[in-house]
Amino acid sequence: MRIIEPHIHMIARTTADYERMARMHTVACCEPSFWAGYDRTSALAFHDYFTHITTFEPQRAAQYLIEHYAWICMNPKEADNLSLAKEVVAFIPEFLDKPNVLGIGEIGLNKNTDNEMEIFTMQVEMAVERDLPMWIHAPHLDDKLKGTRKMIDYLRGHGGVDPEKVCFDHAEEHTVGMIKDAGFWSSMTIYPITKNSPKRVVDILEVYGADRMMVDASGDWGPSDPGTLHDAVFEMRRRGYDDDTVETVFYDNPCYFLGQSPKFRPRPRKSREQAWN
């Protein structure tokens, strides 16, 4: 059984984590640009970060036969600093042609401020102009519903956004429905404290169905673990789902979404129509 990790911050993980992921049949992972655990003090710090995830991380992953992909953006947690954010947005285009970069992400909202929304809309425009997929960060905890609805309303009213090329990450029970109804993809993040557990993820899949749904482990500098993705695999199998269904969720679905970028090399085992019709 093959696994694709759609969202994980490997810059915060050790090389031993790559080895563990490989032993758990992970064939590819995707690293969206985000916060570094502290607020960066200059635009050059972002430039160095983008350089790291487009050069060093692919090499580190390749040692364990894992393909590493990245998303580039000004993240929402630091976007409230408008002058810094605009400096970063100005040099994002130079990274978009890197061989492992799939698109713009993880853009979105953190505290739902006007500044965050301004930087979000600038980067949506960048993605639309270049016909790139977008990976979207939904706010955490109490701000999640409001922020998710605000971004959905903006994207639906845009006119140039293809919903098939947009994934909302950190989706939960109270947001999955509105995301799917709008035609976007959802990804559910397993995280011990602020997000989903493996059991909650499988519960949501059972309620809303698995088409246009992905699962990720995030795995960053907080209390997280790449292995939780495989805990969700085990939970599905424990509930009686066959291996074909499980692999469709954890391998084929990421292939369907991520494969909209010609740079993404893994291919699904079967067509989407065969999987979900």
C-alpha atoms as a PDB file:
ATOM      1  CA  MET A   1       0.000   0.000   0.000  1.00  0.00           C
ATOM      2  CA  ARG A   2       1.405   3.389  -1.039  1.00  0.00           C
ATOM      3  CA  ILE A   3       0.879   6.625   0.895  1.00  0.00           C
ATOM      4  CA  ILE A   4       1.188  10.282  -0.131  1.00  0.00           C
ATOM      5  CA  GLU A   5       1.575  12.900   2.606  1.00  0.00           C
ATOM      6  CA  PRO A   6      -0.171  16.026   1.192  1.00  0.00           C
ATOM      7  CA  HIS A   7       0.945  18.484   3.893  1.00  0.00           C
ATOM      8  CA  ILE A   8       3.941  18.154   6.174  1.00  0.00           C
ATOM      9  CA  HIS A   9       6.610  20.603   7.308  1.00  0.00           C
ATOM     10  CA  MET A  10       9.723  18.472   6.885  1.00  0.00           C
ATOM     11  CA  ILE A  11      12.011  21.408   7.640  1.00  0.00           C
ATOM     12  CA  ALA A  12      10.925  20.815  11.259  1.00  0.00           C
ATOM     13  CA  ARG A  13      11.545  17.040  11.144  1.00  0.00           C
ATOM     14  CA  THR A  14      14.669  14.940  11.457  1.00  0.00           C
ATOM     15  CA  THR A  15      16.124  12.691   8.797  1.00  0.00           C
ATOM     16  CA  ALA A  16      14.949   9.764  10.934  1.00  0.00           C
ATOM     17  CA  ASP A  17      11.393  10.856  10.165  1.00  0.00           C
ATOM     18  CA  TYR A  18      12.053  10.445   6.438  1.00  0.00           C
ATOM     19  CA  GLU A  19      13.292   6.927   7.159  1.00  0.00           C
ATOM     20  CA  ARG A  20      10.182   6.132   9.211  1.00  0.00           C
ATOM     21  CA  MET A  21       7.907   7.510   6.497  1.00  0.00           C
ATOM     22  CA  ALA A  22       9.672   5.430   3.853  1.00  0.00           C
ATOM     23  CA  ARG A  23       9.268   2.290   5.958  1.00  0.00           C
ATOM     24  CA  MET A  24       5.557   3.130   6.193  1.00  0.00           C
ATOM     25  CA  HIS A  25       5.315   3.177   2.367  1.00  0.00           C
ATOM     26  CA  THR A  26       5.253   6.961   1.870  1.00  0.00           C
ATOM     27  CA  VAL A  27       6.272   7.656  -1.727  1.00  0.00           C
ATOM     28  CA  ALA A  28       5.800  11.447  -1.825  1.00  0.00           C
ATOM     29  CA  CYS A  29       5.303  14.363   0.545  1.00  0.00           C
ATOM     30  CA  CYS A  30       4.318  17.997   0.060  1.00  0.00           C
ATOM     31  CA  GLU A  31       5.648  20.914   2.090  1.00  0.00           C
ATOM     32  CA  PRO A  32       3.554  24.103   2.091  1.00  0.00           C
ATOM     33  CA  SER A  33       5.269  27.333   3.103  1.00  0.00           C
ATOM     34  CA  PHE A  34       4.372  28.394   6.612  1.00  0.00           C
ATOM     35  CA  TRP A  35       5.460  29.880   9.930  1.00  0.00           C
ATOM     36  CA  ALA A  36       8.890  28.955  11.281  1.00  0.00           C
ATOM     37  CA  GLY A  37       7.861  28.738  14.931  1.00  0.00           C
ATOM     38  CA  TYR A  38       8.735  32.437  15.327  1.00  0.00           C
ATOM     39  CA  ASP A  39       7.979  35.599  13.373  1.00  0.00           C
ATOM     40  CA  ARG A  40      10.743  36.198  10.838  1.00  0.00           C
ATOM     41  CA  THR A  41      12.546  39.524  11.045  1.00  0.00           C
ATOM     42  CA  SER A  42      13.198  40.173   7.355  1.00  0.00           C
ATOM     43  CA  ALA A  43      12.110  39.236   3.866  1.00  0.00           C
ATOM     44  CA  LEU A  44      15.516  37.623   3.305  1.00  0.00           C
ATOM     45  CA  ALA A  45      14.656  35.036   5.951  1.00  0.00           C
ATOM     46  CA  PHE A  46      11.735  33.951   3.753  1.00  0.00           C
ATOM     47  CA  HIS A  47      13.992  33.845   0.707  1.00  0.00           C
ATOM     48  CA  ASP A  48      16.357  31.505   2.552  1.00  0.00           C
ATOM     49  CA  TYR A  49      13.390  29.374   3.682  1.00  0.00           C
ATOM     50  CA  PHE A  50      12.005  29.047   0.152  1.00  0.00           C
ATOM     51  CA  THR A  51      15.492  28.127  -1.039  1.00  0.00           C
ATOM     52  CA  HIS A  52      15.734  25.425   1.631  1.00  0.00           C
ATOM     53  CA  ILE A  53      12.449  23.702   0.757  1.00  0.00           C
ATOM     54  CA  THR A  54      13.171  23.823  -2.985  1.00  0.00           C
ATOM     55  CA  THR A  55      16.770  22.576  -2.849  1.00  0.00           C
ATOM     56  CA  PHE A  56      17.839  20.805   0.343  1.00  0.00           C
ATOM     57  CA  GLU A  57      14.601  19.050   1.345  1.00  0.00           C
ATOM     58  CA  PRO A  58      14.143  17.300  -2.036  1.00  0.00           C
ATOM     59  CA  GLN A  59      17.691  15.954  -1.725  1.00  0.00           C
ATOM     60  CA  ARG A  60      17.139  14.782   1.847  1.00  0.00           C
ATOM     61  CA  ALA A  61      13.871  13.044   0.914  1.00  0.00           C
ATOM     62  CA  ALA A  62      15.407  11.384  -2.143  1.00  0.00           C
ATOM     63  CA  GLN A  63      17.825   9.471   0.086  1.00  0.00           C
ATOM     64  CA  TYR A  64      14.777   7.516   1.268  1.00  0.00           C
ATOM     65  CA  LEU A  65      13.118   7.239  -2.170  1.00  0.00           C
ATOM     66  CA  ILE A  66      10.512   9.864  -1.249  1.00  0.00           C
ATOM     67  CA  GLU A  67       9.629  12.584  -3.736  1.00  0.00           C
ATOM     68  CA  HIS A  68       9.471  15.981  -2.023  1.00  0.00           C
ATOM     69  CA  TYR A  69       7.242  18.755  -3.370  1.00  0.00           C
ATOM     70  CA  ALA A  70       6.744  22.305  -2.106  1.00  0.00           C
ATOM     71  CA  TRP A  71       4.219  25.116  -2.174  1.00  0.00           C
ATOM     72  CA  ILE A  72       5.400  28.737  -2.033  1.00  0.00           C
ATOM     73  CA  CYS A  73       3.600  31.675  -0.403  1.00  0.00           C
ATOM     74  CA  MET A  74       3.530  34.349   2.252  1.00  0.00           C
ATOM     75  CA  ASN A  75       1.842  32.510   5.089  1.00  0.00           C
ATOM     76  CA  PRO A  76      -1.212  33.968   6.854  1.00  0.00           C
ATOM     77  CA  LYS A  77       0.281  33.892  10.364  1.00  0.00           C
ATOM     78  CA  GLU A  78       2.880  36.511   9.388  1.00  0.00           C
ATOM     79  CA  ALA A  79       0.797  38.304   6.767  1.00  0.00           C
ATOM     80  CA  ASP A  80      -0.559  40.838   9.248  1.00  0.00           C
ATOM     81  CA  ASN A  81       2.801  42.640   8.876  1.00  0.00           C
ATOM     82  CA  LEU A  82       1.720  44.179   5.597  1.00  0.00           C
ATOM     83  CA  SER A  83       4.988  45.802   4.527  1.00  0.00           C
ATOM     84  CA  LEU A  84       6.992  42.627   5.167  1.00  0.00           C
ATOM     85  CA  ALA A  85       4.368  40.475   3.476  1.00  0.00           C
ATOM     86  CA  LYS A  86       4.401  42.582   0.311  1.00  0.00           C
ATOM     87  CA  GLU A  87       8.204  42.345   0.153  1.00  0.00           C
ATOM     88  CA  VAL A  88       7.923  38.558   0.255  1.00  0.00           C
ATOM     89  CA  VAL A  89       5.111  38.369  -2.290  1.00  0.00           C
ATOM     90  CA  ALA A  90       7.266  40.396  -4.707  1.00  0.00           C
ATOM     91  CA  PHE A  91       9.898  37.642  -5.024  1.00  0.00           C
ATOM     92  CA  ILE A  92       7.607  34.591  -4.878  1.00  0.00           C
ATOM     93  CA  PRO A  93       7.481  34.310  -8.703  1.00  0.00           C
ATOM     94  CA  GLU A  94      11.180  33.439  -8.896  1.00  0.00           C
ATOM     95  CA  PHE A  95      10.468  30.218  -6.975  1.00  0.00           C
ATOM     96  CA  LEU A  96       7.349  29.095  -8.831  1.00  0.00           C
ATOM     97  CA  ASP A  97       9.325  27.553 -11.689  1.00  0.00           C
ATOM     98  CA  LYS A  98      11.436  25.372  -9.389  1.00  0.00           C
ATOM     99  CA  PRO A  99      11.066  21.695 -10.366  1.00  0.00           C
ATOM    100  CA  ASN A 100       9.415  20.636  -7.101  1.00  0.00           C
ATOM    101  CA  VAL A 101       7.007  23.596  -6.652  1.00  0.00           C
ATOM    102  CA  LEU A 102       3.369  22.700  -7.284  1.00  0.00           C
ATOM    103  CA  GLY A 103       1.653  26.030  -6.698  1.00  0.00           C
ATOM    104  CA  ILE A 104       0.734  28.753  -4.196  1.00  0.00           C
ATOM    105  CA  GLY A 105       0.269  27.736  -0.566  1.00  0.00           C
ATOM    106  CA  GLU A 106      -0.490  27.565   2.200  1.00  0.00           C
ATOM    107  CA  ILE A 107      -2.230  30.906   1.814  1.00  0.00           C
ATOM    108  CA  GLY A 108      -5.255  31.841   3.882  1.00  0.00           C
ATOM    109  CA  LEU A 109      -6.286  33.484   7.124  1.00  0.00           C
ATOM    110  CA  ASN A 110      -5.074  33.214  10.697  1.00  0.00           C
ATOM    111  CA  LYS A 111      -7.026  35.785  12.736  1.00  0.00           C
ATOM    112  CA  ASN A 112      -9.228  36.929   9.842  1.00  0.00           C
ATOM    113  CA  THR A 113      -7.742  40.442   9.714  1.00  0.00           C
ATOM    114  CA  ASP A 114      -7.984  42.874   6.795  1.00  0.00           C
ATOM    115  CA  ASN A 115      -4.215  42.681   6.268  1.00  0.00           C
ATOM    116  CA  GLU A 116      -4.307  38.887   6.053  1.00  0.00           C
ATOM    117  CA  MET A 117      -7.154  39.099   3.569  1.00  0.00           C
ATOM    118  CA  GLU A 118      -5.257  41.590   1.405  1.00  0.00           C
ATOM    119  CA  ILE A 119      -2.224  39.298   1.151  1.00  0.00           C
ATOM    120  CA  PHE A 120      -4.500  36.307   0.553  1.00  0.00           C
ATOM    121  CA  THR A 121      -6.188  38.028  -2.400  1.00  0.00           C
ATOM    122  CA  MET A 122      -2.848  39.111  -3.887  1.00  0.00           C
ATOM    123  CA  GLN A 123      -1.661  35.517  -3.914  1.00  0.00           C
ATOM    124  CA  VAL A 124      -4.937  34.185  -5.287  1.00  0.00           C
ATOM    125  CA  GLU A 125      -4.441  36.563  -8.215  1.00  0.00           C
ATOM    126  CA  MET A 126      -0.918  35.247  -8.697  1.00  0.00           C
ATOM    127  CA  ALA A 127      -2.187  31.669  -8.807  1.00  0.00           C
ATOM    128  CA  VAL A 128      -5.026  32.477 -11.206  1.00  0.00           C
ATOM    129  CA  GLU A 129      -2.726  34.383 -13.569  1.00  0.00           C
ATOM    130  CA  ARG A 130      -0.383  31.374 -13.749  1.00  0.00           C
ATOM    131  CA  ASP A 131      -3.113  28.701 -13.635  1.00  0.00           C
ATOM    132  CA  LEU A 132      -1.575  27.164 -10.492  1.00  0.00           C
ATOM    133  CA  PRO A 133      -3.230  25.038  -7.807  1.00  0.00           C
ATOM    134  CA  MET A 134      -3.764  26.639  -4.388  1.00  0.00           C
ATOM    135  CA  TRP A 135      -3.348  25.090  -0.938  1.00  0.00           C
ATOM    136  CA  ILE A 136      -5.359  27.063   1.624  1.00  0.00           C
ATOM    137  CA  HIS A 137      -4.817  27.334   5.375  1.00  0.00           C
ATOM    138  CA  ALA A 138      -8.058  27.517   7.328  1.00  0.00           C
ATOM    139  CA  PRO A 139      -7.803  29.315  10.688  1.00  0.00           C
ATOM    140  CA  HIS A 140      -7.643  27.325  13.890  1.00  0.00           C
ATOM    141  CA  LEU A 141     -10.198  26.855  16.648  1.00  0.00           C
ATOM    142  CA  ASP A 142     -12.802  29.632  17.102  1.00  0.00           C
ATOM    143  CA  ASP A 143     -11.808  31.534  13.944  1.00  0.00           C
ATOM    144  CA  LYS A 144     -12.103  28.512  11.621  1.00  0.00           C
ATOM    145  CA  LEU A 145     -15.752  28.718  10.586  1.00  0.00           C
ATOM    146  CA  LYS A 146     -15.727  32.480  10.021  1.00  0.00           C
ATOM    147  CA  GLY A 147     -12.443  32.466   8.118  1.00  0.00           C
ATOM    148  CA  THR A 148     -13.339  29.466   5.963  1.00  0.00           C
ATOM    149  CA  ARG A 149     -16.665  31.031   4.979  1.00  0.00           C
ATOM    150  CA  LYS A 150     -14.968  34.364   4.229  1.00  0.00           C
ATOM    151  CA  MET A 151     -12.446  32.739   1.867  1.00  0.00           C
ATOM    152  CA  ILE A 152     -15.073  30.557   0.179  1.00  0.00           C
ATOM    153  CA  ASP A 153     -17.245  33.620  -0.479  1.00  0.00           C
ATOM    154  CA  TYR A 154     -14.301  35.487  -1.981  1.00  0.00           C
ATOM    155  CA  LEU A 155     -13.183  32.601  -4.196  1.00  0.00           C
ATOM    156  CA  ARG A 156     -16.711  31.836  -5.418  1.00  0.00           C
ATOM    157  CA  GLY A 157     -17.197  35.486  -6.343  1.00  0.00           C
ATOM    158  CA  HIS A 158     -13.856  35.780  -8.099  1.00  0.00           C
ATOM    159  CA  GLY A 159     -14.877  34.420 -11.473  1.00  0.00           C
ATOM    160  CA  GLY A 160     -11.448  33.125 -12.473  1.00  0.00           C
ATOM    161  CA  VAL A 161     -10.916  30.478  -9.784  1.00  0.00           C
ATOM    162  CA  ASP A 162     -11.274  26.813 -10.740  1.00  0.00           C
ATOM    163  CA  PRO A 163     -12.590  25.049  -7.602  1.00  0.00           C
ATOM    164  CA  GLU A 164     -10.892  21.798  -8.669  1.00  0.00           C
ATOM    165  CA  LYS A 165      -7.519  23.505  -8.218  1.00  0.00           C
ATOM    166  CA  VAL A 166      -8.204  24.672  -4.649  1.00  0.00           C
ATOM    167  CA  CYS A 167      -7.798  22.648  -1.460  1.00  0.00           C
ATOM    168  CA  PHE A 168      -8.795  23.896   1.993  1.00  0.00           C
ATOM    169  CA  ASP A 169      -6.604  22.320   4.640  1.00  0.00           C
ATOM    170  CA  HIS A 170      -7.373  21.877   8.374  1.00  0.00           C
ATOM    171  CA  ALA A 171     -11.001  21.056   7.519  1.00  0.00           C
ATOM    172  CA  GLU A 172     -13.205  19.714  10.312  1.00  0.00           C
ATOM    173  CA  GLU A 173     -16.799  18.556  10.845  1.00  0.00           C
ATOM    174  CA  HIS A 174     -18.256  22.071  10.758  1.00  0.00           C
ATOM    175  CA  THR A 175     -16.426  23.196   7.605  1.00  0.00           C
ATOM    176  CA  VAL A 176     -16.155  20.147   5.319  1.00  0.00           C
ATOM    177  CA  GLY A 177     -19.736  20.454   4.108  1.00  0.00           C
ATOM    178  CA  MET A 178     -19.455  24.064   2.978  1.00  0.00           C
ATOM    179  CA  ILE A 179     -16.095  23.391   1.314  1.00  0.00           C
ATOM    180  CA  LYS A 180     -17.412  20.405  -0.644  1.00  0.00           C
ATOM    181  CA  ASP A 181     -20.666  22.161  -1.536  1.00  0.00           C
ATOM    182  CA  ALA A 182     -18.624  24.960  -3.122  1.00  0.00           C
ATOM    183  CA  GLY A 183     -16.746  22.424  -5.265  1.00  0.00           C
ATOM    184  CA  PHE A 184     -13.371  22.709  -3.511  1.00  0.00           C
ATOM    185  CA  TRP A 185     -11.150  19.943  -2.130  1.00  0.00           C
ATOM    186  CA  SER A 186     -10.745  19.373   1.623  1.00  0.00           C
ATOM    187  CA  SER A 187      -7.800  18.021   3.557  1.00  0.00           C
ATOM    188  CA  MET A 188      -8.109  17.042   7.211  1.00  0.00           C
ATOM    189  CA  THR A 189      -5.070  17.543   9.408  1.00  0.00           C
ATOM    190  CA  ILE A 190      -4.300  15.070  12.180  1.00  0.00           C
ATOM    191  CA  TYR A 191      -2.770  16.965  15.085  1.00  0.00           C
ATOM    192  CA  PRO A 192      -2.923  15.930  18.751  1.00  0.00           C
ATOM    193  CA  ILE A 193      -4.089  19.230  20.304  1.00  0.00           C
ATOM    194  CA  THR A 194      -5.647  21.758  17.930  1.00  0.00           C
ATOM    195  CA  LYS A 195      -6.968  19.637  15.071  1.00  0.00           C
ATOM    196  CA  ASN A 196      -8.353  16.182  14.196  1.00  0.00           C
ATOM    197  CA  SER A 197      -7.608  12.763  15.641  1.00  0.00           C
ATOM    198  CA  PRO A 198      -7.411   9.700  13.371  1.00  0.00           C
ATOM    199  CA  LYS A 199     -10.843   8.574  14.590  1.00  0.00           C
ATOM    200  CA  ARG A 200     -12.425  11.979  13.865  1.00  0.00           C
ATOM    201  CA  VAL A 201     -10.935  11.937  10.358  1.00  0.00           C
ATOM    202  CA  VAL A 202     -12.478   8.561   9.559  1.00  0.00           C
ATOM    203  CA  ASP A 203     -15.791   9.648  11.114  1.00  0.00           C
ATOM    204  CA  ILE A 204     -15.852  12.660   8.764  1.00  0.00           C
ATOM    205  CA  LEU A 205     -15.044  10.479   5.758  1.00  0.00           C
ATOM    206  CA  GLU A 206     -17.962   8.235   6.679  1.00  0.00           C
ATOM    207  CA  VAL A 207     -20.355  11.205   6.904  1.00  0.00           C
ATOM    208  CA  TYR A 208     -19.256  13.231   3.864  1.00  0.00           C
ATOM    209  CA  GLY A 209     -17.758  10.599   1.581  1.00  0.00           C
ATOM    210  CA  ALA A 210     -14.171  10.415   0.368  1.00  0.00           C
ATOM    211  CA  ASP A 211     -14.355  12.141  -3.035  1.00  0.00           C
ATOM    212  CA  ARG A 212     -12.380  15.420  -3.007  1.00  0.00           C
ATOM    213  CA  MET A 213     -11.041  14.535   0.455  1.00  0.00           C
ATOM    214  CA  MET A 214      -7.467  14.082   1.674  1.00  0.00           C
ATOM    215  CA  VAL A 215      -5.799  13.463   5.027  1.00  0.00           C
ATOM    216  CA  ASP A 216      -2.460  14.850   6.261  1.00  0.00           C
ATOM    217  CA  ALA A 217      -0.337  14.747   9.394  1.00  0.00           C
ATOM    218  CA  SER A 218       1.179  18.268   9.265  1.00  0.00           C
ATOM    219  CA  GLY A 219       4.193  17.180  11.324  1.00  0.00           C
ATOM    220  CA  ASP A 220       5.894  20.394  12.406  1.00  0.00           C
ATOM    221  CA  TRP A 221       7.640  21.864  15.453  1.00  0.00           C
ATOM    222  CA  GLY A 222       4.641  21.268  17.736  1.00  0.00           C
ATOM    223  CA  PRO A 223       3.414  18.014  19.320  1.00  0.00           C
ATOM    224  CA  SER A 224       2.912  16.131  16.069  1.00  0.00           C
ATOM    225  CA  ASP A 225       4.063  12.959  14.350  1.00  0.00           C
ATOM    226  CA  PRO A 226       4.184  11.882  10.683  1.00  0.00           C
ATOM    227  CA  GLY A 227       3.033   8.464  11.853  1.00  0.00           C
ATOM    228  CA  THR A 228      -0.454   9.746  12.679  1.00  0.00           C
ATOM    229  CA  LEU A 229      -1.311   9.561   8.987  1.00  0.00           C
ATOM    230  CA  HIS A 230      -0.752   5.833   9.197  1.00  0.00           C
ATOM    231  CA  ASP A 231      -2.826   5.701  12.381  1.00  0.00           C
ATOM    232  CA  ALA A 232      -5.734   6.913  10.227  1.00  0.00           C
ATOM    233  CA  VAL A 233      -4.956   4.194   7.678  1.00  0.00           C
ATOM    234  CA  PHE A 234      -5.120   1.628  10.492  1.00  0.00           C
ATOM    235  CA  GLU A 235      -8.382   3.114  11.788  1.00  0.00           C
ATOM    236  CA  MET A 236     -10.011   2.683   8.362  1.00  0.00           C
ATOM    237  CA  ARG A 237      -8.788  -0.896   8.131  1.00  0.00           C
ATOM    238  CA  ARG A 238      -9.941  -1.572  11.697  1.00  0.00           C
ATOM    239  CA  ARG A 239     -13.451  -0.485  10.675  1.00  0.00           C
ATOM    240  CA  GLY A 240     -13.480  -3.010   7.873  1.00  0.00           C
ATOM    241  CA  TYR A 241     -12.565  -0.965   4.797  1.00  0.00           C
ATOM    242  CA  ASP A 242     -10.672  -2.974   2.209  1.00  0.00           C
ATOM    243  CA  ASP A 243      -7.167  -2.041   1.088  1.00  0.00           C
ATOM    244  CA  ASP A 244      -8.392  -0.765  -2.265  1.00  0.00           C
ATOM    245  CA  THR A 245     -10.644   1.844  -0.609  1.00  0.00           C
ATOM    246  CA  VAL A 246      -7.958   2.854   1.872  1.00  0.00           C
ATOM    247  CA  GLU A 247      -5.338   3.303  -0.844  1.00  0.00           C
ATOM    248  CA  THR A 248      -7.778   5.357  -2.896  1.00  0.00           C
ATOM    249  CA  VAL A 249      -8.114   7.807   0.019  1.00  0.00           C
ATOM    250  CA  PHE A 250      -4.449   7.976   1.002  1.00  0.00           C
ATOM    251  CA  TYR A 251      -2.777   7.606  -2.409  1.00  0.00           C
ATOM    252  CA  ASP A 252      -5.144   8.092  -5.350  1.00  0.00           C
ATOM    253  CA  ASN A 253      -6.961  11.163  -4.007  1.00  0.00           C
ATOM    254  CA  PRO A 254      -3.704  13.121  -3.518  1.00  0.00           C
ATOM    255  CA  CYS A 255      -2.715  12.056  -7.030  1.00  0.00           C
ATOM    256  CA  TYR A 256      -5.968  13.440  -8.437  1.00  0.00           C
ATOM    257  CA  PHE A 257      -5.512  16.836  -6.798  1.00  0.00           C
ATOM    258  CA  LEU A 258      -1.733  17.249  -6.843  1.00  0.00           C
ATOM    259  CA  GLY A 259      -1.479  15.759 -10.328  1.00  0.00           C
ATOM    260  CA  GLN A 260      -3.126  18.890 -11.706  1.00  0.00           C
ATOM    261  CA  SER A 261       0.414  20.234 -11.608  1.00  0.00           C
ATOM    262  CA  PRO A 262       2.469  18.680 -14.419  1.00  0.00           C
ATOM    263  CA  LYS A 263       5.421  18.568 -12.009  1.00  0.00           C
ATOM    264  CA  PHE A 264       3.777  15.974  -9.765  1.00  0.00           C
ATOM    265  CA  ARG A 265       5.002  12.585 -10.960  1.00  0.00           C
ATOM    266  CA  PRO A 266       3.062   9.887  -9.023  1.00  0.00           C
ATOM    267  CA  ARG A 267       0.037   8.610 -10.923  1.00  0.00           C
ATOM    268  CA  PRO A 268      -3.181   7.143  -9.507  1.00  0.00           C
ATOM    269  CA  ARG A 269      -3.922   3.456  -9.834  1.00  0.00           C
ATOM    270  CA  LYS A 270      -7.258   4.149 -11.540  1.00  0.00           C
ATOM    271  CA  SER A 271      -9.269   7.054 -12.890  1.00  0.00           C
ATOM    272  CA  ARG A 272     -11.277   9.257 -10.569  1.00  0.00           C
ATOM    273  CA  GLU A 273     -14.476   8.118 -12.271  1.00  0.00           C
ATOM    274  CA  GLN A 274     -13.601   4.495 -11.536  1.00  0.00           C
ATOM    275  CA  ALA A 275     -12.804   5.374  -7.923  1.00  0.00           C
ATOM    276  CA  TRP A 276     -15.890   7.316  -6.911  1.00  0.00           C
ATOM    277  CA  ASN A 277     -18.693   6.650  -9.409  1.00  0.00           C
END
